[in-house]
Protein backbone atom coordinates (compact mmCIF):
# COMPACT_ATOMS: atom_id res chain seq x y z
CA MET A 1 5.66 -215.86 186.41
CA ASN A 2 3.46 -214.23 183.83
CA TRP A 3 0.58 -212.02 184.96
CA ILE A 4 -1.73 -209.25 183.62
CA LYS A 5 -3.21 -206.18 185.17
CA GLU A 6 -5.49 -203.77 183.43
CA GLU A 7 -6.94 -200.26 183.99
CA CYS A 8 -9.90 -199.15 181.92
CA ILE A 9 -9.87 -195.63 180.48
CA ARG A 10 -12.96 -195.68 178.26
CA TYR A 11 -16.39 -197.41 178.59
CA THR A 12 -19.40 -197.87 176.42
CA VAL A 13 -22.91 -199.00 177.39
CA ARG A 14 -24.55 -201.95 175.71
CA GLY A 15 -27.79 -203.56 176.88
CA GLY A 16 -27.71 -201.46 180.06
CA GLN A 17 -24.23 -202.70 180.93
CA GLU A 18 -20.87 -200.96 180.82
CA TRP A 19 -18.20 -202.45 178.65
CA CYS A 20 -14.61 -201.44 178.71
CA ILE A 21 -13.46 -200.64 175.17
CA LYS A 22 -10.14 -199.02 175.83
CA PHE A 23 -7.65 -199.83 178.57
CA VAL A 24 -4.01 -199.90 179.54
CA ARG A 25 -2.60 -203.31 180.16
CA LEU A 26 0.50 -204.27 182.11
CA ARG A 27 1.73 -207.71 181.11
CA ALA A 28 4.65 -209.62 182.53
CA GLY A 29 6.74 -211.67 180.15
CA THR A 30 10.32 -211.22 179.03
CA PHE A 31 9.73 -207.57 179.84
CA LEU A 32 7.06 -205.70 181.72
CA PHE A 33 5.00 -204.79 178.67
CA VAL A 34 2.76 -201.67 178.76
CA GLU A 35 0.07 -201.91 176.16
CA LEU A 36 -2.83 -199.74 174.98
CA VAL A 37 -5.71 -202.04 174.04
CA GLU A 38 -8.89 -201.11 172.13
CA ARG A 39 -11.53 -203.84 172.25
CA ASN A 40 -14.51 -204.18 169.90
CA PRO A 41 -17.55 -204.67 172.18
CA ASP A 42 -19.31 -206.78 169.61
CA SER A 43 -16.65 -209.15 168.40
CA GLY A 44 -14.26 -208.94 171.31
CA LYS A 45 -11.38 -208.39 168.89
CA GLU A 46 -8.50 -206.42 170.32
CA VAL A 47 -6.13 -203.90 168.70
CA VAL A 48 -2.96 -203.70 170.78
CA ARG A 49 -0.36 -200.93 170.70
CA ASP A 50 2.94 -201.35 172.46
CA LEU A 51 3.58 -198.36 174.74
CA ALA A 52 6.73 -199.47 176.66
CA ARG A 53 8.86 -202.40 177.53
CA LEU A 54 10.06 -202.00 181.08
CA PRO A 55 12.44 -204.16 183.10
CA LEU A 56 10.49 -207.11 184.43
CA GLU A 57 11.53 -206.10 187.96
CA THR A 58 9.92 -202.65 188.09
CA TYR A 59 8.30 -201.72 191.36
CA PHE A 60 6.93 -198.97 193.56
CA VAL A 61 9.06 -199.59 196.64
CA SER A 62 8.24 -198.76 200.20
CA GLU A 63 11.58 -198.82 202.07
CA PRO A 64 12.14 -198.42 205.81
CA TYR A 65 15.11 -196.05 205.36
CA PHE A 66 14.36 -193.81 202.40
CA GLY A 67 10.60 -193.96 202.11
CA GLU A 68 8.77 -194.55 198.81
CA PHE A 69 10.12 -194.49 195.29
CA PHE A 70 9.96 -196.23 191.91
CA ALA A 71 12.81 -198.68 191.25
CA ALA A 72 13.81 -200.81 188.25
CA PHE A 73 16.17 -203.81 188.42
CA LYS A 74 17.84 -205.83 185.72
CA ASN A 75 19.13 -209.30 186.71
CA GLY A 76 18.69 -208.34 190.36
CA LYS A 77 20.79 -205.14 190.06
CA LEU A 78 19.31 -201.72 190.53
CA ILE A 79 19.45 -199.67 187.26
CA ALA A 80 17.05 -196.72 187.93
CA THR A 81 15.10 -195.00 190.65
CA SER A 82 12.87 -191.96 190.97
CA TRP A 83 11.51 -190.43 194.19
CA GLY A 84 7.86 -190.53 195.22
CA TRP A 85 4.65 -191.29 193.48
CA ASP A 86 5.19 -188.25 191.16
CA GLY A 87 8.51 -189.70 190.00
CA TRP A 88 7.01 -192.07 187.43
CA GLY A 89 7.91 -189.82 184.48
CA ASP A 90 11.46 -189.44 185.72
CA LEU A 91 11.83 -193.23 185.94
CA LEU A 92 10.69 -193.58 182.35
CA ARG A 93 13.15 -191.00 181.10
CA LYS A 94 15.96 -192.79 182.92
CA LEU A 95 15.02 -196.19 181.44
CA ARG A 96 14.73 -194.60 177.94
CA THR A 97 18.36 -193.39 178.28
CA ARG A 98 19.42 -196.94 179.16
CA GLY A 99 17.93 -198.33 175.94
CA PHE A 100 14.55 -199.54 176.98
CA TYR A 101 11.66 -198.88 174.58
CA ILE A 102 9.51 -196.07 176.10
CA SER A 103 7.04 -194.33 173.88
CA ARG A 104 5.95 -190.72 174.32
CA SER A 105 2.29 -191.69 174.78
CA PRO A 106 0.33 -189.81 177.49
CA TYR A 107 -1.37 -193.10 178.33
CA LEU A 108 1.83 -194.22 180.05
CA SER A 109 0.79 -192.13 183.03
CA VAL A 110 -1.98 -194.70 183.68
CA ALA A 111 0.54 -197.54 183.86
CA LYS A 112 1.98 -196.43 187.18
CA ILE A 113 -1.29 -197.44 188.89
CA LEU A 114 -0.60 -201.00 187.78
CA ILE A 115 3.04 -201.23 188.83
CA PRO A 116 3.50 -203.77 191.67
CA HIS A 117 4.02 -202.33 195.15
CA VAL A 118 6.59 -204.02 197.35
CA GLU A 119 8.08 -203.53 200.78
CA LYS A 120 11.83 -203.98 200.28
CA THR A 121 15.14 -202.66 201.56
CA VAL A 122 16.99 -201.32 198.52
CA SER A 123 19.52 -198.87 199.98
CA ALA A 124 23.12 -200.11 200.27
CA GLY A 125 24.04 -201.09 203.83
CA LEU A 126 22.90 -203.64 206.37
CA SER A 127 19.29 -204.58 206.86
CA GLU A 128 17.76 -204.84 210.34
CA ASP A 129 18.47 -208.53 210.39
CA GLY A 130 22.11 -207.98 209.48
CA GLU A 131 21.96 -209.04 205.85
CA VAL A 132 24.08 -207.11 203.33
CA VAL A 133 21.92 -205.07 200.93
CA ASP A 134 23.86 -204.63 197.71
CA PRO A 135 21.56 -203.34 194.97
CA LEU A 136 24.48 -202.87 192.47
CA GLY A 137 26.10 -206.23 193.17
CA ALA A 138 29.52 -204.76 194.05
CA LEU A 139 30.21 -205.76 197.61
CA ASP A 140 32.12 -208.81 198.93
CA LYS A 141 29.73 -210.66 201.23
CA THR A 142 32.27 -213.25 202.50
CA ASP A 143 32.67 -213.61 206.27
CA TYR A 144 36.36 -213.29 206.91
CA GLY A 145 36.04 -213.38 210.68
CA ALA A 146 38.19 -211.23 212.98
CA GLU A 147 41.51 -211.82 211.20
CA PRO A 148 41.34 -208.79 208.88
CA LEU A 149 40.85 -206.46 211.90
CA LYS A 150 43.74 -208.09 213.71
CA ALA A 151 45.98 -207.58 210.68
CA ALA A 152 44.76 -203.97 210.34
CA TYR A 153 45.65 -203.30 213.97
CA GLU A 154 49.12 -204.79 213.54
CA TRP A 155 49.77 -202.64 210.45
CA VAL A 156 48.47 -199.42 212.19
CA MET A 157 50.70 -199.92 215.18
CA SER A 158 53.71 -200.51 212.89
CA ALA A 159 52.97 -197.48 210.72
CA TYR A 160 52.25 -194.87 213.42
CA THR A 161 53.41 -193.89 216.91
CA GLY A 162 51.92 -191.85 219.70
CA GLU A 163 48.56 -190.25 219.14
CA ASN A 164 48.74 -190.93 215.41
CA ALA A 165 48.47 -194.65 216.09
CA GLU A 166 45.37 -193.96 218.19
CA TYR A 167 43.88 -191.74 215.51
CA ALA A 168 44.54 -194.32 212.78
CA TRP A 169 42.87 -197.09 214.77
CA TYR A 170 39.97 -194.81 215.69
CA ASN A 171 39.35 -194.32 211.96
CA VAL A 172 39.34 -198.05 211.40
CA ILE A 173 36.79 -198.49 214.21
CA ALA A 174 34.72 -195.58 212.90
CA ALA A 175 34.48 -197.11 209.44
CA VAL A 176 33.41 -200.43 210.84
CA THR A 177 30.94 -198.73 213.14
CA HIS A 178 29.39 -196.77 210.26
CA VAL A 179 28.73 -200.09 208.45
CA VAL A 180 27.33 -201.76 211.57
CA THR A 181 25.05 -198.88 212.46
CA SER A 182 23.65 -198.53 208.90
CA PRO A 183 20.36 -200.23 209.98
CA LEU A 184 19.88 -197.39 212.47
CA ARG A 185 20.21 -194.66 209.85
CA SER A 186 16.62 -193.94 209.05
CA THR A 187 14.28 -190.96 209.03
CA HIS A 188 11.17 -193.04 208.54
CA HIS A 189 10.75 -196.00 210.83
CA LEU A 190 12.61 -194.92 214.02
CA LYS A 191 11.17 -192.64 216.61
CA VAL A 192 14.61 -191.20 217.46
CA ARG A 193 16.90 -190.08 214.65
CA PHE A 194 20.39 -191.60 214.67
CA LEU A 195 22.96 -188.79 214.89
CA ASP A 196 26.74 -189.21 214.75
CA TYR A 197 29.74 -186.99 214.28
CA VAL A 198 31.74 -186.23 211.16
CA LEU A 199 35.24 -187.62 211.84
CA TYR A 200 37.60 -184.83 210.55
CA ASN A 201 41.27 -185.81 210.23
CA VAL A 202 43.79 -182.95 209.84
CA LEU A 203 46.58 -184.79 208.05
CA PRO A 204 48.37 -183.50 204.88
CA ASN A 205 49.68 -186.95 203.86
CA GLY A 206 47.48 -189.56 205.34
CA TYR A 207 47.04 -191.96 202.41
CA GLY A 208 48.53 -194.86 204.29
CA VAL A 209 45.67 -195.87 206.53
CA ILE A 210 43.20 -195.11 203.73
CA MET A 211 44.82 -197.17 200.97
CA HIS A 212 46.09 -200.07 203.09
CA VAL A 213 43.22 -200.39 205.60
CA LEU A 214 40.01 -198.36 205.06
CA GLU A 215 39.90 -198.86 201.33
CA ARG A 216 40.21 -202.62 201.80
CA LEU A 217 37.66 -202.81 204.57
CA LEU A 218 35.20 -201.11 202.26
CA TRP A 219 36.39 -202.98 199.17
CA GLY A 220 33.80 -203.15 196.43
CA GLY A 221 32.41 -199.84 197.61
CA PHE A 222 33.93 -197.85 194.78
CA VAL A 223 30.66 -198.38 192.94
CA TYR A 224 28.99 -196.67 195.89
CA ASP A 225 31.65 -193.89 196.17
CA ASN A 226 32.80 -195.12 199.56
CA VAL A 227 36.32 -193.68 199.14
CA ILE A 228 36.89 -190.52 197.12
CA TYR A 229 40.36 -189.07 196.62
CA GLY A 230 40.56 -185.29 196.19
CA GLU A 231 38.18 -183.72 193.70
CA PRO A 232 35.15 -185.83 192.78
CA LEU A 233 34.97 -187.05 189.19
CA ASN A 234 31.49 -185.55 188.77
CA MET A 235 32.21 -182.23 190.55
CA HIS A 236 30.95 -180.35 187.50
CA LEU A 237 27.44 -181.39 188.48
CA GLY A 238 27.36 -178.74 191.18
CA SER A 239 26.90 -179.20 194.96
CA VAL A 240 23.30 -180.10 194.98
CA ARG A 241 23.35 -182.75 192.25
CA LEU A 242 26.63 -184.03 193.58
CA ALA A 243 25.05 -184.49 196.99
CA ALA A 244 22.12 -186.34 195.36
CA SER A 245 24.45 -188.71 193.54
CA LEU A 246 26.45 -189.49 196.71
CA LEU A 247 23.55 -189.81 199.10
CA ASP A 248 20.90 -191.55 196.94
CA LEU A 249 19.89 -194.93 198.49
CA ASN A 250 23.20 -195.17 200.26
CA ARG A 251 23.84 -195.94 203.99
CA LEU A 252 27.51 -197.01 203.64
CA PRO A 253 30.40 -194.92 204.94
CA LEU A 254 31.73 -192.07 202.88
CA VAL A 255 35.51 -191.35 203.13
CA LEU A 256 36.72 -188.07 201.60
CA MET A 257 40.47 -188.20 201.26
CA GLY A 258 42.99 -185.43 200.46
CA GLN A 259 40.49 -182.67 200.70
CA THR A 260 41.27 -178.94 200.41
CA GLU A 261 39.17 -175.92 201.23
CA THR A 262 38.04 -175.80 197.62
CA THR A 263 36.95 -179.39 197.39
CA LEU A 264 35.21 -179.27 200.75
CA LYS A 265 33.07 -176.42 199.38
CA ILE A 266 31.97 -178.76 196.60
CA TYR A 267 30.71 -181.17 199.29
CA ARG A 268 28.85 -178.40 201.11
CA TYR A 269 25.42 -180.03 200.92
CA VAL A 270 26.80 -183.38 202.04
CA LEU A 271 28.47 -181.82 205.05
CA GLU A 272 25.56 -179.64 205.98
CA THR A 273 23.27 -182.66 206.14
CA ALA A 274 25.69 -184.92 208.13
CA GLY A 275 23.82 -186.78 210.83
CA GLY A 276 20.61 -187.44 208.98
CA GLU A 277 19.25 -183.99 208.11
CA ILE A 278 17.25 -183.50 204.93
CA ILE A 279 18.43 -181.63 201.81
CA ALA A 280 16.53 -180.31 198.84
CA LEU A 281 17.34 -181.76 195.47
CA ASP A 282 16.09 -178.94 193.33
CA ARG A 283 15.88 -175.16 193.58
CA ARG A 284 12.16 -175.22 194.46
CA GLY A 285 12.78 -177.65 197.32
CA GLU A 286 10.07 -180.05 196.10
CA LYS A 287 12.20 -183.22 196.38
CA ARG A 288 14.11 -184.13 199.46
CA ILE A 289 16.49 -186.88 200.39
CA PRO A 290 18.09 -187.90 203.72
CA ASN A 291 21.83 -188.15 204.28
CA LEU A 292 22.22 -191.51 206.01
CA ARG A 293 25.95 -191.96 205.44
CA GLY A 294 28.69 -191.79 208.12
CA LEU A 295 31.37 -189.33 207.06
CA ILE A 296 35.16 -189.57 207.50
CA ILE A 297 37.22 -186.66 206.18
CA PHE A 298 41.02 -186.32 205.64
CA ALA A 299 42.05 -182.69 204.85
CA ASP A 300 45.33 -180.82 204.88
CA SER A 301 44.10 -178.11 207.26
CA PRO A 302 41.41 -177.66 209.92
CA TYR A 303 39.05 -175.75 207.60
CA ASP A 304 35.76 -174.48 208.90
CA ILE A 305 33.22 -176.91 207.51
CA PRO A 306 29.38 -176.58 207.85
CA ALA A 307 28.88 -179.91 209.67
CA GLN A 308 27.00 -179.35 212.95
CA ARG A 309 28.77 -182.17 214.71
CA ARG A 310 32.35 -182.98 214.06
CA LEU A 311 35.30 -184.55 215.87
CA VAL A 312 38.68 -183.22 214.85
CA LEU A 313 41.78 -185.41 215.02
CA PRO A 314 45.01 -183.31 214.67
CA TRP A 315 47.61 -185.75 213.39
CA ASP A 316 51.33 -185.14 213.93
CA PRO A 317 53.41 -185.72 210.74
CA SER A 318 56.40 -186.64 212.87
CA GLN A 319 54.55 -189.67 214.32
CA THR A 320 54.49 -191.63 211.12
CA ARG A 321 57.04 -194.26 210.11
CA HIS A 322 57.56 -196.92 207.53
CA PRO A 323 55.61 -200.06 208.48
CA GLN A 324 57.76 -202.90 209.70
CA VAL A 325 55.33 -205.60 208.63
CA LYS A 326 53.84 -206.64 205.31
CA LEU A 327 50.62 -204.99 204.11
CA PRO A 328 47.81 -206.53 206.10
CA PRO A 329 45.47 -209.02 204.48
CA VAL A 330 42.59 -206.72 205.22
CA ARG A 331 39.33 -207.99 203.76
CA PRO A 332 35.88 -206.41 203.54
CA ILE A 333 34.00 -206.06 206.80
CA TYR A 334 30.43 -206.09 205.54
CA VAL A 335 29.79 -209.64 206.94
CA PHE A 336 31.27 -210.45 210.35
CA ARG A 337 29.40 -213.02 212.41
CA ARG A 338 32.14 -214.48 214.62
């Protein structure tokens, strides 16, 4: 639907009346066009200058989990965000790097007044009504019923004995629980903050339950960094920026596999904020973001991590055996209504 909104920036007086002769126009079409318009008060003729061509789906979003931010979508997929009302310039810079025409005109600052305001859940996870929120279009939303969990249980019991079997199944339940409780992970619309524990597995070689079960339960979540093996690909960003990239608009579980003391230090800001605390995104502490992700860690030793609440599971390497059944047909668990 095409629509137009305008904000006047210069008036003139004719015949005792004010006439707008210069204004910023936001016009919806194939793009969200931002235009600077100068209008002759006598002839009504307009001279139009193109300032920007934004994605048609550009909004100032009020979200129940992460608060307020600017967001731009393309074909329904989230492509850029910036935090708070003051993040308009940051959004424009991000869109410019993605190939959208964005001029350097100072009049673009006026355009943010005209951007549509919406109340919408954008962060990845479940909404309060149980719908899967998938802003990047990466998750499998098929309801596979209870069969995948049954198959996962059969595989776990075949692959592990003793307490290891209990620990493996506990990790499966924890991952599912982190998905199910994602609507409770908010610092904005709930009176009581949801707090949970970091699940810390001490297991030098525990790839089995990760690769064959957890990774499949969270399939499609690679786009959201649901499972990370060893050192993160973007570790060069530094702890603060890495934390921002992992926590930004994300309420899905985060599984850190094969971690060492060195790599856990890289995740320092993620671990310090486990359970919903707030971290600063820049050195001045002006921008803040909540950590609303449930954390599951597999490390080779019981390192001292900065998480305030953690549950340590000390696996026994001798209680692992080769599975006697085929790999389970584990499917994603994001939708489960039966």
